[in-house]
Amino acid sequence: MDELEETAARERLVALRSQAVGRLAALRGDVADIVDASRDSNADDEHDPDGATIAFERAQVEAFARDAAAQVEEVDAALARLDAGTYGTCATCRAPIAAARLAARPTARTCIPCAST
């Protein structure tokens, strides 16, 4: 990977990380809002028809937040590989990962053949 490709990859990864961090912050705010709203109500998940909806909504938002946090971790790992000089190299077979795969999935750790097995 030459310097220009490395710079472009770093810019993509930093932008992706920024988006994920922003999404995570918004989702954590949503979870806090749901918790605050349910704290002021007498919602009993078992007997109140709205209780189950609130619990489902909270679980769904928390799942989205976990996904966003995982994406931040994936991007951080990709940035670490970039710093180590191993970005773009398959973690399984050590072959280069195709540029099209990295463009579509900048955090990819494996080449397409290894990811398919």
N, C-alpha and C. Protein backbone atom coordinates (compact mmCIF):
# COMPACT_ATOMS: atom_id res chain seq x y z
N MET A 1 0.86 -1.17 0.00
CA MET A 1 0.00 0.00 0.00
C MET A 1 0.90 1.23 0.00
N ASP A 2 0.70 2.09 -0.99
CA ASP A 2 1.54 3.28 -1.05
C ASP A 2 0.97 4.38 -0.14
N GLU A 3 1.70 5.48 -0.04
CA GLU A 3 1.35 6.54 0.90
C GLU A 3 -0.02 7.16 0.57
N LEU A 4 -0.30 7.33 -0.71
CA LEU A 4 -1.59 7.91 -1.12
C LEU A 4 -2.75 6.99 -0.75
N GLU A 5 -2.59 5.68 -0.97
CA GLU A 5 -3.63 4.71 -0.60
C GLU A 5 -3.81 4.67 0.92
N GLU A 6 -2.70 4.75 1.62
CA GLU A 6 -2.76 4.74 3.09
C GLU A 6 -3.50 5.97 3.61
N THR A 7 -3.20 7.12 3.04
CA THR A 7 -3.88 8.36 3.45
C THR A 7 -5.37 8.27 3.18
N ALA A 8 -5.75 7.77 2.01
CA ALA A 8 -7.16 7.63 1.66
C ALA A 8 -7.86 6.65 2.60
N ALA A 9 -7.20 5.54 2.91
CA ALA A 9 -7.77 4.55 3.82
C ALA A 9 -7.96 5.16 5.21
N ARG A 10 -6.97 5.89 5.67
CA ARG A 10 -7.07 6.52 7.00
C ARG A 10 -8.23 7.52 7.04
N GLU A 11 -8.38 8.31 5.98
CA GLU A 11 -9.48 9.28 5.92
C GLU A 11 -10.84 8.57 5.94
N ARG A 12 -10.97 7.47 5.18
CA ARG A 12 -12.22 6.70 5.19
C ARG A 12 -12.51 6.15 6.58
N LEU A 13 -11.49 5.59 7.20
CA LEU A 13 -11.68 5.00 8.52
C LEU A 13 -12.02 6.05 9.58
N VAL A 14 -11.35 7.18 9.53
CA VAL A 14 -11.63 8.25 10.50
C VAL A 14 -13.05 8.77 10.32
N ALA A 15 -13.49 8.92 9.07
CA ALA A 15 -14.86 9.37 8.82
C ALA A 15 -15.87 8.34 9.30
N LEU A 16 -15.59 7.07 9.04
CA LEU A 16 -16.47 5.99 9.49
C LEU A 16 -16.55 5.97 11.02
N ARG A 17 -15.42 6.16 11.67
CA ARG A 17 -15.38 6.18 13.14
C ARG A 17 -16.20 7.35 13.68
N SER A 18 -16.04 8.50 13.06
CA SER A 18 -16.77 9.69 13.48
C SER A 18 -18.29 9.47 13.37
N GLN A 19 -18.72 8.86 12.28
CA GLN A 19 -20.14 8.56 12.11
C GLN A 19 -20.63 7.60 13.18
N ALA A 20 -19.85 6.57 13.45
CA ALA A 20 -20.25 5.58 14.45
C ALA A 20 -20.29 6.18 15.85
N VAL A 21 -19.33 7.04 16.17
CA VAL A 21 -19.32 7.69 17.48
C VAL A 21 -20.53 8.60 17.62
N GLY A 22 -20.87 9.33 16.56
CA GLY A 22 -22.04 10.20 16.59
C GLY A 22 -23.32 9.41 16.77
N ARG A 23 -23.42 8.29 16.04
CA ARG A 23 -24.60 7.43 16.15
C ARG A 23 -24.69 6.84 17.56
N LEU A 24 -23.55 6.43 18.12
CA LEU A 24 -23.53 5.87 19.47
C LEU A 24 -23.98 6.91 20.50
N ALA A 25 -23.50 8.13 20.37
CA ALA A 25 -23.89 9.18 21.31
C ALA A 25 -25.40 9.45 21.23
N ALA A 26 -25.92 9.50 20.02
CA ALA A 26 -27.36 9.74 19.85
C ALA A 26 -28.17 8.59 20.44
N LEU A 27 -27.73 7.36 20.21
CA LEU A 27 -28.46 6.21 20.74
C LEU A 27 -28.40 6.15 22.26
N ARG A 28 -27.26 6.50 22.82
CA ARG A 28 -27.17 6.53 24.29
C ARG A 28 -28.11 7.60 24.85
N GLY A 29 -28.23 8.70 24.13
CA GLY A 29 -29.19 9.73 24.53
C GLY A 29 -30.62 9.21 24.46
N ASP A 30 -30.91 8.44 23.41
CA ASP A 30 -32.25 7.85 23.27
C ASP A 30 -32.54 6.89 24.42
N VAL A 31 -31.55 6.09 24.79
CA VAL A 31 -31.74 5.15 25.91
C VAL A 31 -32.02 5.93 27.19
N ALA A 32 -31.25 6.98 27.42
CA ALA A 32 -31.46 7.81 28.62
C ALA A 32 -32.85 8.42 28.61
N ASP A 33 -33.31 8.87 27.45
CA ASP A 33 -34.66 9.45 27.35
C ASP A 33 -35.73 8.41 27.67
N ILE A 34 -35.55 7.20 27.16
CA ILE A 34 -36.52 6.13 27.42
C ILE A 34 -36.55 5.80 28.91
N VAL A 35 -35.37 5.70 29.51
CA VAL A 35 -35.29 5.39 30.94
C VAL A 35 -35.96 6.50 31.75
N ASP A 36 -35.65 7.75 31.41
CA ASP A 36 -36.24 8.88 32.13
C ASP A 36 -37.76 8.90 31.98
N ALA A 37 -38.25 8.66 30.77
CA ALA A 37 -39.69 8.68 30.53
C ALA A 37 -40.39 7.55 31.28
N SER A 38 -39.77 6.39 31.32
CA SER A 38 -40.41 5.27 32.00
C SER A 38 -40.31 5.39 33.51
N ARG A 39 -39.33 6.12 34.00
CA ARG A 39 -39.17 6.31 35.44
C ARG A 39 -40.36 7.09 36.01
N ASP A 40 -40.90 8.02 35.23
CA ASP A 40 -42.00 8.87 35.69
C ASP A 40 -43.37 8.21 35.53
N SER A 41 -43.40 7.04 34.92
CA SER A 41 -44.68 6.37 34.72
C SER A 41 -44.81 5.19 35.67
N ASN A 42 -45.99 4.67 35.74
CA ASN A 42 -46.24 3.48 36.54
C ASN A 42 -46.28 2.25 35.66
N ALA A 43 -45.52 2.29 34.59
CA ALA A 43 -45.56 1.18 33.62
C ALA A 43 -45.09 -0.11 34.27
N ASP A 44 -45.95 -1.06 34.22
CA ASP A 44 -45.67 -2.40 34.71
C ASP A 44 -45.68 -3.29 33.47
N ASP A 45 -44.51 -3.77 33.06
CA ASP A 45 -44.40 -4.53 31.82
C ASP A 45 -45.43 -5.65 31.72
N GLU A 46 -45.77 -6.23 32.83
CA GLU A 46 -46.65 -7.39 32.81
C GLU A 46 -48.12 -7.00 32.66
N HIS A 47 -48.53 -5.88 33.26
CA HIS A 47 -49.95 -5.54 33.28
C HIS A 47 -50.30 -4.30 32.45
N ASP A 48 -49.36 -3.45 32.18
CA ASP A 48 -49.62 -2.24 31.41
C ASP A 48 -49.32 -2.51 29.94
N PRO A 49 -50.28 -2.28 29.05
CA PRO A 49 -50.04 -2.55 27.63
C PRO A 49 -48.87 -1.75 27.06
N ASP A 50 -48.60 -0.58 27.59
CA ASP A 50 -47.48 0.22 27.09
C ASP A 50 -46.14 -0.25 27.65
N GLY A 51 -46.17 -0.99 28.74
CA GLY A 51 -44.93 -1.46 29.37
C GLY A 51 -44.11 -2.35 28.45
N ALA A 52 -44.77 -3.26 27.77
CA ALA A 52 -44.06 -4.16 26.86
C ALA A 52 -43.47 -3.37 25.69
N THR A 53 -44.19 -2.38 25.20
CA THR A 53 -43.69 -1.55 24.10
C THR A 53 -42.46 -0.78 24.52
N ILE A 54 -42.50 -0.21 25.72
CA ILE A 54 -41.36 0.55 26.23
C ILE A 54 -40.16 -0.37 26.40
N ALA A 55 -40.37 -1.56 26.93
CA ALA A 55 -39.27 -2.51 27.12
C ALA A 55 -38.69 -2.92 25.78
N PHE A 56 -39.54 -3.17 24.79
CA PHE A 56 -39.06 -3.55 23.46
C PHE A 56 -38.26 -2.41 22.84
N GLU A 57 -38.80 -1.19 22.93
CA GLU A 57 -38.11 -0.03 22.36
C GLU A 57 -36.73 0.16 23.00
N ARG A 58 -36.69 0.03 24.29
CA ARG A 58 -35.41 0.18 25.00
C ARG A 58 -34.42 -0.91 24.57
N ALA A 59 -34.87 -2.14 24.48
CA ALA A 59 -34.00 -3.24 24.07
C ALA A 59 -33.49 -3.02 22.64
N GLN A 60 -34.37 -2.54 21.77
CA GLN A 60 -33.97 -2.30 20.38
C GLN A 60 -32.93 -1.19 20.30
N VAL A 61 -33.14 -0.10 20.99
CA VAL A 61 -32.19 1.01 20.96
C VAL A 61 -30.85 0.58 21.58
N GLU A 62 -30.90 -0.20 22.66
CA GLU A 62 -29.67 -0.70 23.26
C GLU A 62 -28.91 -1.61 22.30
N ALA A 63 -29.62 -2.41 21.53
CA ALA A 63 -28.97 -3.28 20.53
C ALA A 63 -28.30 -2.45 19.45
N PHE A 64 -28.96 -1.40 18.99
CA PHE A 64 -28.35 -0.50 18.01
C PHE A 64 -27.10 0.17 18.59
N ALA A 65 -27.16 0.53 19.86
CA ALA A 65 -26.00 1.16 20.51
C ALA A 65 -24.84 0.17 20.61
N ARG A 66 -25.14 -1.09 20.92
CA ARG A 66 -24.07 -2.11 20.96
C ARG A 66 -23.44 -2.28 19.58
N ASP A 67 -24.26 -2.25 18.53
CA ASP A 67 -23.74 -2.36 17.16
C ASP A 67 -22.83 -1.18 16.83
N ALA A 68 -23.24 0.03 17.22
CA ALA A 68 -22.42 1.21 16.96
C ALA A 68 -21.11 1.14 17.73
N ALA A 69 -21.15 0.67 18.97
CA ALA A 69 -19.93 0.53 19.77
C ALA A 69 -19.00 -0.51 19.14
N ALA A 70 -19.58 -1.59 18.64
CA ALA A 70 -18.77 -2.62 17.97
C ALA A 70 -18.12 -2.06 16.71
N GLN A 71 -18.84 -1.21 15.99
CA GLN A 71 -18.27 -0.61 14.79
C GLN A 71 -17.10 0.30 15.15
N VAL A 72 -17.21 1.05 16.23
CA VAL A 72 -16.09 1.89 16.69
C VAL A 72 -14.88 1.00 16.98
N GLU A 73 -15.10 -0.12 17.64
CA GLU A 73 -14.01 -1.04 17.95
C GLU A 73 -13.39 -1.61 16.67
N GLU A 74 -14.22 -1.96 15.70
CA GLU A 74 -13.71 -2.49 14.42
C GLU A 74 -12.86 -1.45 13.70
N VAL A 75 -13.32 -0.20 13.70
CA VAL A 75 -12.56 0.86 13.04
C VAL A 75 -11.25 1.09 13.78
N ASP A 76 -11.29 1.10 15.11
CA ASP A 76 -10.05 1.27 15.88
C ASP A 76 -9.05 0.16 15.57
N ALA A 77 -9.55 -1.07 15.43
CA ALA A 77 -8.68 -2.19 15.08
C ALA A 77 -8.10 -2.01 13.68
N ALA A 78 -8.91 -1.52 12.75
CA ALA A 78 -8.42 -1.29 11.38
C ALA A 78 -7.37 -0.18 11.37
N LEU A 79 -7.59 0.87 12.16
CA LEU A 79 -6.59 1.94 12.26
C LEU A 79 -5.29 1.42 12.86
N ALA A 80 -5.39 0.53 13.83
CA ALA A 80 -4.19 -0.08 14.43
C ALA A 80 -3.45 -0.92 13.39
N ARG A 81 -4.19 -1.65 12.55
CA ARG A 81 -3.55 -2.43 11.48
C ARG A 81 -2.88 -1.49 10.48
N LEU A 82 -3.51 -0.38 10.20
CA LEU A 82 -2.93 0.61 9.29
C LEU A 82 -1.62 1.13 9.86
N ASP A 83 -1.61 1.44 11.15
CA ASP A 83 -0.39 1.92 11.81
C ASP A 83 0.70 0.85 11.83
N ALA A 84 0.29 -0.41 11.94
CA ALA A 84 1.25 -1.52 12.01
C ALA A 84 1.72 -1.96 10.63
N GLY A 85 1.07 -1.44 9.58
CA GLY A 85 1.46 -1.82 8.23
C GLY A 85 0.84 -3.12 7.75
N THR A 86 -0.18 -3.61 8.46
CA THR A 86 -0.83 -4.86 8.06
C THR A 86 -2.23 -4.65 7.50
N TYR A 87 -2.67 -3.40 7.40
CA TYR A 87 -3.99 -3.11 6.84
C TYR A 87 -4.00 -3.53 5.38
N GLY A 88 -5.06 -4.19 4.97
CA GLY A 88 -5.16 -4.64 3.58
C GLY A 88 -4.55 -6.00 3.34
N THR A 89 -4.08 -6.65 4.40
CA THR A 89 -3.52 -7.99 4.31
C THR A 89 -4.46 -8.93 5.07
N CYS A 90 -4.84 -10.02 4.43
CA CYS A 90 -5.76 -10.99 5.03
C CYS A 90 -5.16 -11.58 6.31
N ALA A 91 -5.94 -11.56 7.37
CA ALA A 91 -5.48 -12.10 8.65
C ALA A 91 -5.37 -13.62 8.62
N THR A 92 -6.03 -14.26 7.66
CA THR A 92 -6.01 -15.72 7.59
C THR A 92 -4.91 -16.24 6.68
N CYS A 93 -4.89 -15.77 5.43
CA CYS A 93 -3.94 -16.32 4.45
C CYS A 93 -2.79 -15.38 4.10
N ARG A 94 -2.83 -14.18 4.64
CA ARG A 94 -1.78 -13.15 4.42
C ARG A 94 -1.74 -12.62 2.99
N ALA A 95 -2.73 -12.93 2.16
CA ALA A 95 -2.80 -12.38 0.80
C ALA A 95 -3.37 -10.97 0.89
N PRO A 96 -3.12 -10.15 -0.11
CA PRO A 96 -3.71 -8.81 -0.11
C PRO A 96 -5.24 -8.88 -0.22
N ILE A 97 -5.91 -8.00 0.49
CA ILE A 97 -7.37 -7.88 0.39
C ILE A 97 -7.65 -6.95 -0.77
N ALA A 98 -8.56 -7.35 -1.65
CA ALA A 98 -8.87 -6.57 -2.84
C ALA A 98 -9.32 -5.16 -2.48
N ALA A 99 -8.87 -4.20 -3.29
CA ALA A 99 -9.22 -2.79 -3.05
C ALA A 99 -10.73 -2.59 -3.05
N ALA A 100 -11.45 -3.31 -3.91
CA ALA A 100 -12.91 -3.17 -3.96
C ALA A 100 -13.54 -3.63 -2.65
N ARG A 101 -12.99 -4.68 -2.05
CA ARG A 101 -13.52 -5.15 -0.75
C ARG A 101 -13.25 -4.11 0.32
N LEU A 102 -12.06 -3.54 0.33
CA LEU A 102 -11.75 -2.52 1.33
C LEU A 102 -12.57 -1.26 1.12
N ALA A 103 -12.90 -0.95 -0.13
CA ALA A 103 -13.74 0.21 -0.40
C ALA A 103 -15.16 -0.03 0.12
N ALA A 104 -15.65 -1.26 -0.05
CA ALA A 104 -17.00 -1.60 0.40
C ALA A 104 -17.05 -1.84 1.91
N ARG A 105 -15.98 -2.40 2.43
CA ARG A 105 -15.92 -2.74 3.86
C ARG A 105 -14.53 -2.39 4.39
N PRO A 106 -14.33 -1.13 4.75
CA PRO A 106 -13.00 -0.66 5.14
C PRO A 106 -12.39 -1.36 6.36
N THR A 107 -13.21 -2.02 7.16
CA THR A 107 -12.69 -2.69 8.35
C THR A 107 -12.43 -4.18 8.11
N ALA A 108 -12.53 -4.63 6.86
CA ALA A 108 -12.35 -6.05 6.55
C ALA A 108 -11.00 -6.56 7.04
N ARG A 109 -11.01 -7.72 7.65
CA ARG A 109 -9.78 -8.36 8.14
C ARG A 109 -9.33 -9.49 7.22
N THR A 110 -10.27 -9.97 6.39
CA THR A 110 -9.97 -11.12 5.55
C THR A 110 -10.32 -10.83 4.09
N CYS A 111 -9.66 -11.57 3.20
CA CYS A 111 -9.98 -11.48 1.78
C CYS A 111 -11.31 -12.20 1.53
N ILE A 112 -11.86 -12.03 0.36
CA ILE A 112 -13.17 -12.64 0.06
C ILE A 112 -13.12 -14.17 0.13
N PRO A 113 -12.11 -14.82 -0.46
CA PRO A 113 -12.09 -16.30 -0.34
C PRO A 113 -12.06 -16.79 1.10
N CYS A 114 -11.27 -16.14 1.95
CA CYS A 114 -11.21 -16.57 3.35
C CYS A 114 -12.49 -16.23 4.10
N ALA A 115 -13.12 -15.12 3.76
CA ALA A 115 -14.37 -14.74 4.41
C ALA A 115 -15.51 -15.67 3.99
N SER A 116 -15.36 -16.30 2.83
CA SER A 116 -16.41 -17.20 2.32
C SER A 116 -16.36 -18.58 2.94
N THR A 117 -15.28 -18.91 3.61
CA THR A 117 -15.17 -20.26 4.18
C THR A 117 -15.57 -20.29 5.62
